Amino acid sequence: MLHMKEKGVGDMQTNIERILDEALQQKLEEGRAIGLEEGRELGREEGKRAVARKLLLKGMDIPFIVETTELSEEEIERIKRELPKQ
């Protein structure tokens, strides 16, 4: 009888371990997906800033750059201040 109880406890531990492992794997996958999306968004924003820098260097006006890149005027002004002085 004791052996059956031990086996039952062992099976329960195995099931708990399996459930925890599955939950961990699911959370890791969710975390990766969130991280990928955040990385993509950061890349898109950096791309917009790179375009804004190029347009500023070409002498384009700020309202045009705001319209083109969808960055705020404040962000364009910040980028402009960071450009090397010519």
PDB file of N, CA and C in Angstrom:
ATOM      1  N   MET A   1       0.832  -1.197   0.000  1.00  0.00           N
ATOM      2  CA  MET A   1       0.000   0.000   0.000  1.00  0.00           C
ATOM      3  C   MET A   1       0.865   1.245   0.000  1.00  0.00           C
ATOM      4  N   LEU A   2       1.915   1.222   0.813  1.00  0.00           N
ATOM      5  CA  LEU A   2       2.808   2.368   0.888  1.00  0.00           C
ATOM      6  C   LEU A   2       3.458   2.607  -0.472  1.00  0.00           C
ATOM      7  N   HIS A   3       3.808   1.540  -1.149  1.00  0.00           N
ATOM      8  CA  HIS A   3       4.441   1.655  -2.459  1.00  0.00           C
ATOM      9  C   HIS A   3       3.516   2.358  -3.457  1.00  0.00           C
ATOM     10  N   MET A   4       2.226   2.066  -3.401  1.00  0.00           N
ATOM     11  CA  MET A   4       1.253   2.702  -4.299  1.00  0.00           C
ATOM     12  C   MET A   4       1.155   4.193  -4.002  1.00  0.00           C
ATOM     13  N   LYS A   5       1.182   4.574  -2.714  1.00  0.00           N
ATOM     14  CA  LYS A   5       1.127   5.988  -2.354  1.00  0.00           C
ATOM     15  C   LYS A   5       2.365   6.710  -2.867  1.00  0.00           C
ATOM     16  N   GLU A   6       3.534   6.057  -2.708  1.00  0.00           N
ATOM     17  CA  GLU A   6       4.773   6.662  -3.194  1.00  0.00           C
ATOM     18  C   GLU A   6       4.722   6.849  -4.703  1.00  0.00           C
ATOM     19  N   LYS A   7       4.192   5.868  -5.403  1.00  0.00           N
ATOM     20  CA  LYS A   7       4.079   5.966  -6.859  1.00  0.00           C
ATOM     21  C   LYS A   7       3.133   7.102  -7.231  1.00  0.00           C
ATOM     22  N   GLY A   8       2.025   7.223  -6.506  1.00  0.00           N
ATOM     23  CA  GLY A   8       1.071   8.294  -6.766  1.00  0.00           C
ATOM     24  C   GLY A   8       1.685   9.664  -6.536  1.00  0.00           C
ATOM     25  N   VAL A   9       2.470   9.799  -5.483  1.00  0.00           N
ATOM     26  CA  VAL A   9       3.152  11.061  -5.191  1.00  0.00           C
ATOM     27  C   VAL A   9       4.165  11.353  -6.288  1.00  0.00           C
ATOM     28  N   GLY A  10       4.880  10.340  -6.705  1.00  0.00           N
ATOM     29  CA  GLY A  10       5.872  10.512  -7.775  1.00  0.00           C
ATOM     30  C   GLY A  10       5.221  10.948  -9.079  1.00  0.00           C
ATOM     31  N   ASP A  11       4.089  10.329  -9.406  1.00  0.00           N
ATOM     32  CA  ASP A  11       3.359  10.707 -10.618  1.00  0.00           C
ATOM     33  C   ASP A  11       2.884  12.151 -10.520  1.00  0.00           C
ATOM     34  N   MET A  12       2.403  12.528  -9.341  1.00  0.00           N
ATOM     35  CA  MET A  12       1.911  13.892  -9.146  1.00  0.00           C
ATOM     36  C   MET A  12       3.060  14.891  -9.301  1.00  0.00           C
ATOM     37  N   GLN A  13       4.231  14.573  -8.761  1.00  0.00           N
ATOM     38  CA  GLN A  13       5.385  15.452  -8.902  1.00  0.00           C
ATOM     39  C   GLN A  13       5.779  15.583 -10.371  1.00  0.00           C
ATOM     40  N   THR A  14       5.751  14.474 -11.086  1.00  0.00           N
ATOM     41  CA  THR A  14       6.082  14.495 -12.510  1.00  0.00           C
ATOM     42  C   THR A  14       5.092  15.369 -13.278  1.00  0.00           C
ATOM     43  N   ASN A  15       3.809  15.236 -12.965  1.00  0.00           N
ATOM     44  CA  ASN A  15       2.794  16.063 -13.626  1.00  0.00           C
ATOM     45  C   ASN A  15       2.988  17.542 -13.307  1.00  0.00           C
ATOM     46  N   ILE A  16       3.280  17.845 -12.057  1.00  0.00           N
ATOM     47  CA  ILE A  16       3.508  19.241 -11.664  1.00  0.00           C
ATOM     48  C   ILE A  16       4.724  19.793 -12.403  1.00  0.00           C
ATOM     49  N   GLU A  17       5.795  19.006 -12.458  1.00  0.00           N
ATOM     50  CA  GLU A  17       7.005  19.436 -13.168  1.00  0.00           C
ATOM     51  C   GLU A  17       6.710  19.677 -14.650  1.00  0.00           C
ATOM     52  N   ARG A  18       5.919  18.805 -15.248  1.00  0.00           N
ATOM     53  CA  ARG A  18       5.563  18.953 -16.668  1.00  0.00           C
ATOM     54  C   ARG A  18       4.739  20.221 -16.885  1.00  0.00           C
ATOM     55  N   ILE A  19       3.768  20.448 -16.011  1.00  0.00           N
ATOM     56  CA  ILE A  19       2.926  21.640 -16.115  1.00  0.00           C
ATOM     57  C   ILE A  19       3.762  22.903 -15.944  1.00  0.00           C
ATOM     58  N   LEU A  20       4.658  22.901 -14.966  1.00  0.00           N
ATOM     59  CA  LEU A  20       5.525  24.065 -14.750  1.00  0.00           C
ATOM     60  C   LEU A  20       6.446  24.301 -15.946  1.00  0.00           C
ATOM     61  N   ASP A  21       6.987  23.228 -16.506  1.00  0.00           N
ATOM     62  CA  ASP A  21       7.857  23.357 -17.675  1.00  0.00           C
ATOM     63  C   ASP A  21       7.093  23.918 -18.871  1.00  0.00           C
ATOM     64  N   GLU A  22       5.870  23.429 -19.084  1.00  0.00           N
ATOM     65  CA  GLU A  22       5.047  23.941 -20.180  1.00  0.00           C
ATOM     66  C   GLU A  22       4.719  25.417 -19.975  1.00  0.00           C
ATOM     67  N   ALA A  23       4.390  25.800 -18.742  1.00  0.00           N
ATOM     68  CA  ALA A  23       4.078  27.198 -18.440  1.00  0.00           C
ATOM     69  C   ALA A  23       5.305  28.074 -18.661  1.00  0.00           C
ATOM     70  N   LEU A  24       6.466  27.588 -18.241  1.00  0.00           N
ATOM     71  CA  LEU A  24       7.705  28.334 -18.435  1.00  0.00           C
ATOM     72  C   LEU A  24       7.997  28.517 -19.923  1.00  0.00           C
ATOM     73  N   GLN A  25       7.850  27.453 -20.687  1.00  0.00           N
ATOM     74  CA  GLN A  25       8.091  27.542 -22.130  1.00  0.00           C
ATOM     75  C   GLN A  25       7.141  28.540 -22.785  1.00  0.00           C
ATOM     76  N   GLN A  26       5.874  28.525 -22.381  1.00  0.00           N
ATOM     77  CA  GLN A  26       4.888  29.453 -22.940  1.00  0.00           C
ATOM     78  C   GLN A  26       5.277  30.894 -22.616  1.00  0.00           C
ATOM     79  N   LYS A  27       5.674  31.145 -21.382  1.00  0.00           N
ATOM     80  CA  LYS A  27       6.068  32.501 -20.983  1.00  0.00           C
ATOM     81  C   LYS A  27       7.334  32.944 -21.705  1.00  0.00           C
ATOM     82  N   LEU A  28       8.277  32.036 -21.917  1.00  0.00           N
ATOM     83  CA  LEU A  28       9.484  32.374 -22.664  1.00  0.00           C
ATOM     84  C   LEU A  28       9.133  32.757 -24.106  1.00  0.00           C
ATOM     85  N   GLU A  29       8.241  31.991 -24.725  1.00  0.00           N
ATOM     86  CA  GLU A  29       7.812  32.309 -26.091  1.00  0.00           C
ATOM     87  C   GLU A  29       7.106  33.655 -26.146  1.00  0.00           C
ATOM     88  N   GLU A  30       6.247  33.926 -25.168  1.00  0.00           N
ATOM     89  CA  GLU A  30       5.563  35.218 -25.114  1.00  0.00           C
ATOM     90  C   GLU A  30       6.579  36.351 -24.937  1.00  0.00           C
ATOM     91  N   GLY A  31       7.564  36.133 -24.084  1.00  0.00           N
ATOM     92  CA  GLY A  31       8.601  37.138 -23.854  1.00  0.00           C
ATOM     93  C   GLY A  31       9.405  37.411 -25.115  1.00  0.00           C
ATOM     94  N   ARG A  32       9.743  36.364 -25.838  1.00  0.00           N
ATOM     95  CA  ARG A  32      10.472  36.533 -27.104  1.00  0.00           C
ATOM     96  C   ARG A  32       9.643  37.330 -28.097  1.00  0.00           C
ATOM     97  N   ALA A  33       8.371  37.012 -28.214  1.00  0.00           N
ATOM     98  CA  ALA A  33       7.502  37.719 -29.154  1.00  0.00           C
ATOM     99  C   ALA A  33       7.403  39.200 -28.792  1.00  0.00           C
ATOM    100  N   ILE A  34       7.260  39.487 -27.506  1.00  0.00           N
ATOM    101  CA  ILE A  34       7.188  40.877 -27.058  1.00  0.00           C
ATOM    102  C   ILE A  34       8.509  41.578 -27.357  1.00  0.00           C
ATOM    103  N   GLY A  35       9.613  40.914 -27.064  1.00  0.00           N
ATOM    104  CA  GLY A  35      10.931  41.490 -27.320  1.00  0.00           C
ATOM    105  C   GLY A  35      11.157  41.776 -28.797  1.00  0.00           C
ATOM    106  N   LEU A  36      10.737  40.851 -29.643  1.00  0.00           N
ATOM    107  CA  LEU A  36      10.877  41.059 -31.086  1.00  0.00           C
ATOM    108  C   LEU A  36      10.074  42.266 -31.544  1.00  0.00           C
ATOM    109  N   GLU A  37       8.853  42.391 -31.076  1.00  0.00           N
ATOM    110  CA  GLU A  37       8.014  43.520 -31.474  1.00  0.00           C
ATOM    111  C   GLU A  37       8.605  44.830 -30.976  1.00  0.00           C
ATOM    112  N   GLU A  38       9.091  44.838 -29.730  1.00  0.00           N
ATOM    113  CA  GLU A  38       9.715  46.053 -29.203  1.00  0.00           C
ATOM    114  C   GLU A  38      10.951  46.406 -30.018  1.00  0.00           C
ATOM    115  N   GLY A  39      11.727  45.411 -30.411  1.00  0.00           N
ATOM    116  CA  GLY A  39      12.909  45.641 -31.239  1.00  0.00           C
ATOM    117  C   GLY A  39      12.545  46.200 -32.605  1.00  0.00           C
ATOM    118  N   ARG A  40      11.497  45.666 -33.183  1.00  0.00           N
ATOM    119  CA  ARG A  40      11.041  46.181 -34.482  1.00  0.00           C
ATOM    120  C   ARG A  40      10.619  47.641 -34.368  1.00  0.00           C
ATOM    121  N   GLU A  41       9.893  47.956 -33.317  1.00  0.00           N
ATOM    122  CA  GLU A  41       9.431  49.335 -33.117  1.00  0.00           C
ATOM    123  C   GLU A  41      10.615  50.273 -32.922  1.00  0.00           C
ATOM    124  N   LEU A  42      11.591  49.855 -32.133  1.00  0.00           N
ATOM    125  CA  LEU A  42      12.794  50.672 -31.947  1.00  0.00           C
ATOM    126  C   LEU A  42      13.517  50.873 -33.273  1.00  0.00           C
ATOM    127  N   GLY A  43      13.574  49.836 -34.077  1.00  0.00           N
ATOM    128  CA  GLY A  43      14.203  49.933 -35.402  1.00  0.00           C
ATOM    129  C   GLY A  43      13.476  50.898 -36.306  1.00  0.00           C
ATOM    130  N   ARG A  44      12.148  50.858 -36.284  1.00  0.00           N
ATOM    131  CA  ARG A  44      11.362  51.786 -37.110  1.00  0.00           C
ATOM    132  C   ARG A  44      11.624  53.226 -36.682  1.00  0.00           C
ATOM    133  N   GLU A  45      11.644  53.458 -35.367  1.00  0.00           N
ATOM    134  CA  GLU A  45      11.875  54.817 -34.859  1.00  0.00           C
ATOM    135  C   GLU A  45      13.278  55.294 -35.207  1.00  0.00           C
ATOM    136  N   GLU A  46      14.263  54.423 -35.073  1.00  0.00           N
ATOM    137  CA  GLU A  46      15.629  54.816 -35.425  1.00  0.00           C
ATOM    138  C   GLU A  46      15.726  55.097 -36.921  1.00  0.00           C
ATOM    139  N   GLY A  47      15.004  54.335 -37.729  1.00  0.00           N
ATOM    140  CA  GLY A  47      14.970  54.595 -39.177  1.00  0.00           C
ATOM    141  C   GLY A  47      14.384  55.963 -39.487  1.00  0.00           C
ATOM    142  N   LYS A  48      13.329  56.329 -38.793  1.00  0.00           N
ATOM    143  CA  LYS A  48      12.725  57.653 -38.988  1.00  0.00           C
ATOM    144  C   LYS A  48      13.715  58.750 -38.612  1.00  0.00           C
ATOM    145  N   ARG A  49      14.435  58.539 -37.510  1.00  0.00           N
ATOM    146  CA  ARG A  49      15.418  59.540 -37.087  1.00  0.00           C
ATOM    147  C   ARG A  49      16.562  59.647 -38.102  1.00  0.00           C
ATOM    148  N   ALA A  50      16.979  58.530 -38.672  1.00  0.00           N
ATOM    149  CA  ALA A  50      18.039  58.548 -39.679  1.00  0.00           C
ATOM    150  C   ALA A  50      17.583  59.330 -40.917  1.00  0.00           C
ATOM    151  N   VAL A  51      16.354  59.120 -41.335  1.00  0.00           N
ATOM    152  CA  VAL A  51      15.813  59.865 -42.479  1.00  0.00           C
ATOM    153  C   VAL A  51      15.757  61.350 -42.141  1.00  0.00           C
ATOM    154  N   ALA A  52      15.308  61.676 -40.941  1.00  0.00           N
ATOM    155  CA  ALA A  52      15.238  63.080 -40.528  1.00  0.00           C
ATOM    156  C   ALA A  52      16.621  63.724 -40.569  1.00  0.00           C
ATOM    157  N   ARG A  53      17.640  63.021 -40.086  1.00  0.00           N
ATOM    158  CA  ARG A  53      19.013  63.561 -40.134  1.00  0.00           C
ATOM    159  C   ARG A  53      19.437  63.851 -41.563  1.00  0.00           C
ATOM    160  N   LYS A  54      19.166  62.904 -42.451  1.00  0.00           N
ATOM    161  CA  LYS A  54      19.548  63.094 -43.858  1.00  0.00           C
ATOM    162  C   LYS A  54      18.810  64.279 -44.470  1.00  0.00           C
ATOM    163  N   LEU A  55      17.527  64.398 -44.168  1.00  0.00           N
ATOM    164  CA  LEU A  55      16.749  65.512 -44.716  1.00  0.00           C
ATOM    165  C   LEU A  55      17.243  66.847 -44.164  1.00  0.00           C
ATOM    166  N   LEU A  56      17.577  66.884 -42.884  1.00  0.00           N
ATOM    167  CA  LEU A  56      18.124  68.109 -42.302  1.00  0.00           C
ATOM    168  C   LEU A  56      19.445  68.481 -42.976  1.00  0.00           C
ATOM    169  N   LEU A  57      20.293  67.496 -43.201  1.00  0.00           N
ATOM    170  CA  LEU A  57      21.579  67.752 -43.857  1.00  0.00           C
ATOM    171  C   LEU A  57      21.407  68.237 -45.297  1.00  0.00           C
ATOM    172  N   LYS A  58      20.304  67.850 -45.914  1.00  0.00           N
ATOM    173  CA  LYS A  58      19.999  68.305 -47.282  1.00  0.00           C
ATOM    174  C   LYS A  58      19.336  69.678 -47.284  1.00  0.00           C
ATOM    175  N   GLY A  59      19.070  70.212 -46.076  1.00  0.00           N
ATOM    176  CA  GLY A  59      18.496  71.547 -45.983  1.00  0.00           C
ATOM    177  C   GLY A  59      16.979  71.609 -46.052  1.00  0.00           C
ATOM    178  N   MET A  60      16.316  70.474 -45.876  1.00  0.00           N
ATOM    179  CA  MET A  60      14.853  70.470 -45.923  1.00  0.00           C
ATOM    180  C   MET A  60      14.300  71.161 -44.680  1.00  0.00           C
ATOM    181  N   ASP A  61      13.116  71.753 -44.833  1.00  0.00           N
ATOM    182  CA  ASP A  61      12.540  72.470 -43.696  1.00  0.00           C
ATOM    183  C   ASP A  61      11.856  71.508 -42.722  1.00  0.00           C
ATOM    184  N   ILE A  62      11.758  71.944 -41.480  1.00  0.00           N
ATOM    185  CA  ILE A  62      11.263  71.091 -40.402  1.00  0.00           C
ATOM    186  C   ILE A  62       9.815  70.635 -40.619  1.00  0.00           C
ATOM    187  N   PRO A  63       8.877  71.515 -41.048  1.00  0.00           N
ATOM    188  CA  PRO A  63       7.509  71.011 -41.273  1.00  0.00           C
ATOM    189  C   PRO A  63       7.452  69.860 -42.291  1.00  0.00           C
ATOM    190  N   PHE A  64       8.272  69.943 -43.343  1.00  0.00           N
ATOM    191  CA  PHE A  64       8.312  68.866 -44.332  1.00  0.00           C
ATOM    192  C   PHE A  64       8.828  67.573 -43.690  1.00  0.00           C
ATOM    193  N   ILE A  65       9.876  67.692 -42.850  1.00  0.00           N
ATOM    194  CA  ILE A  65      10.452  66.508 -42.206  1.00  0.00           C
ATOM    195  C   ILE A  65       9.454  65.893 -41.227  1.00  0.00           C
ATOM    196  N   VAL A  66       8.731  66.738 -40.491  1.00  0.00           N
ATOM    197  CA  VAL A  66       7.697  66.241 -39.573  1.00  0.00           C
ATOM    198  C   VAL A  66       6.648  65.452 -40.354  1.00  0.00           C
ATOM    199  N   GLU A  67       6.199  66.019 -41.463  1.00  0.00           N
ATOM    200  CA  GLU A  67       5.178  65.347 -42.282  1.00  0.00           C
ATOM    201  C   GLU A  67       5.705  64.035 -42.865  1.00  0.00           C
ATOM    202  N   THR A  68       6.949  64.059 -43.313  1.00  0.00           N
ATOM    203  CA  THR A  68       7.530  62.897 -43.975  1.00  0.00           C
ATOM    204  C   THR A  68       7.824  61.758 -43.002  1.00  0.00           C
ATOM    205  N   THR A  69       8.391  62.097 -41.852  1.00  0.00           N
ATOM    206  CA  THR A  69       8.836  61.053 -40.915  1.00  0.00           C
ATOM    207  C   THR A  69       7.825  60.725 -39.831  1.00  0.00           C
ATOM    208  N   GLU A  70       6.844  61.607 -39.641  1.00  0.00           N
ATOM    209  CA  GLU A  70       5.864  61.481 -38.566  1.00  0.00           C
ATOM    210  C   GLU A  70       6.500  61.606 -37.183  1.00  0.00           C
ATOM    211  N   LEU A  71       7.713  62.177 -37.123  1.00  0.00           N
ATOM    212  CA  LEU A  71       8.324  62.510 -35.837  1.00  0.00           C
ATOM    213  C   LEU A  71       7.804  63.866 -35.408  1.00  0.00           C
ATOM    214  N   SER A  72       7.873  64.146 -34.119  1.00  0.00           N
ATOM    215  CA  SER A  72       7.404  65.440 -33.633  1.00  0.00           C
ATOM    216  C   SER A  72       8.400  66.532 -34.004  1.00  0.00           C
ATOM    217  N   GLU A  73       7.907  67.754 -34.010  1.00  0.00           N
ATOM    218  CA  GLU A  73       8.790  68.888 -34.281  1.00  0.00           C
ATOM    219  C   GLU A  73       9.895  68.954 -33.228  1.00  0.00           C
ATOM    220  N   GLU A  74       9.556  68.649 -31.990  1.00  0.00           N
ATOM    221  CA  GLU A  74      10.544  68.659 -30.922  1.00  0.00           C
ATOM    222  C   GLU A  74      11.651  67.637 -31.185  1.00  0.00           C
ATOM    223  N   GLU A  75      11.271  66.466 -31.655  1.00  0.00           N
ATOM    224  CA  GLU A  75      12.265  65.434 -31.961  1.00  0.00           C
ATOM    225  C   GLU A  75      13.166  65.896 -33.113  1.00  0.00           C
ATOM    226  N   ILE A  76      12.598  66.517 -34.113  1.00  0.00           N
ATOM    227  CA  ILE A  76      13.387  67.020 -35.247  1.00  0.00           C
ATOM    228  C   ILE A  76      14.362  68.091 -34.754  1.00  0.00           C
ATOM    229  N   GLU A  77      13.889  68.971 -33.899  1.00  0.00           N
ATOM    230  CA  GLU A  77      14.754  70.019 -33.349  1.00  0.00           C
ATOM    231  C   GLU A  77      15.906  69.398 -32.542  1.00  0.00           C
ATOM    232  N   ARG A  78      15.620  68.361 -31.784  1.00  0.00           N
ATOM    233  CA  ARG A  78      16.657  67.684 -31.006  1.00  0.00           C
ATOM    234  C   ARG A  78      17.701  67.069 -31.935  1.00  0.00           C
ATOM    235  N   ILE A  79      17.232  66.413 -32.993  1.00  0.00           N
ATOM    236  CA  ILE A  79      18.142  65.811 -33.972  1.00  0.00           C
ATOM    237  C   ILE A  79      18.998  66.898 -34.624  1.00  0.00           C
ATOM    238  N   LYS A  80      18.372  68.016 -34.937  1.00  0.00           N
ATOM    239  CA  LYS A  80      19.090  69.125 -35.569  1.00  0.00           C
ATOM    240  C   LYS A  80      20.208  69.635 -34.658  1.00  0.00           C
ATOM    241  N   ARG A  81      19.940  69.739 -33.369  1.00  0.00           N
ATOM    242  CA  ARG A  81      20.959  70.198 -32.423  1.00  0.00           C
ATOM    243  C   ARG A  81      22.122  69.220 -32.313  1.00  0.00           C
ATOM    244  N   GLU A  82      21.845  67.948 -32.558  1.00  0.00           N
ATOM    245  CA  GLU A  82      22.890  66.917 -32.459  1.00  0.00           C
ATOM    246  C   GLU A  82      23.753  66.819 -33.705  1.00  0.00           C
ATOM    247  N   LEU A  83      23.330  67.453 -34.788  1.00  0.00           N
ATOM    248  CA  LEU A  83      24.104  67.383 -36.030  1.00  0.00           C
ATOM    249  C   LEU A  83      25.422  68.110 -35.856  1.00  0.00           C
ATOM    250  N   PRO A  84      26.456  67.618 -36.559  1.00  0.00           N
ATOM    251  CA  PRO A  84      27.731  68.327 -36.500  1.00  0.00           C
ATOM    252  C   PRO A  84      27.590  69.731 -37.112  1.00  0.00           C
ATOM    253  N   LYS A  85      28.255  70.687 -36.491  1.00  0.00           N
ATOM    254  CA  LYS A  85      28.194  72.064 -37.000  1.00  0.00           C
ATOM    255  C   LYS A  85      28.949  72.145 -38.313  1.00  0.00           C
ATOM    256  N   GLN A  86      28.360  72.859 -39.272  1.00  0.00           N
ATOM    257  CA  GLN A  86      29.004  72.983 -40.590  1.00  0.00           C
ATOM    258  C   GLN A  86      29.406  74.405 -40.858  1.00  0.00           C
TER     259      GLN A  86
END
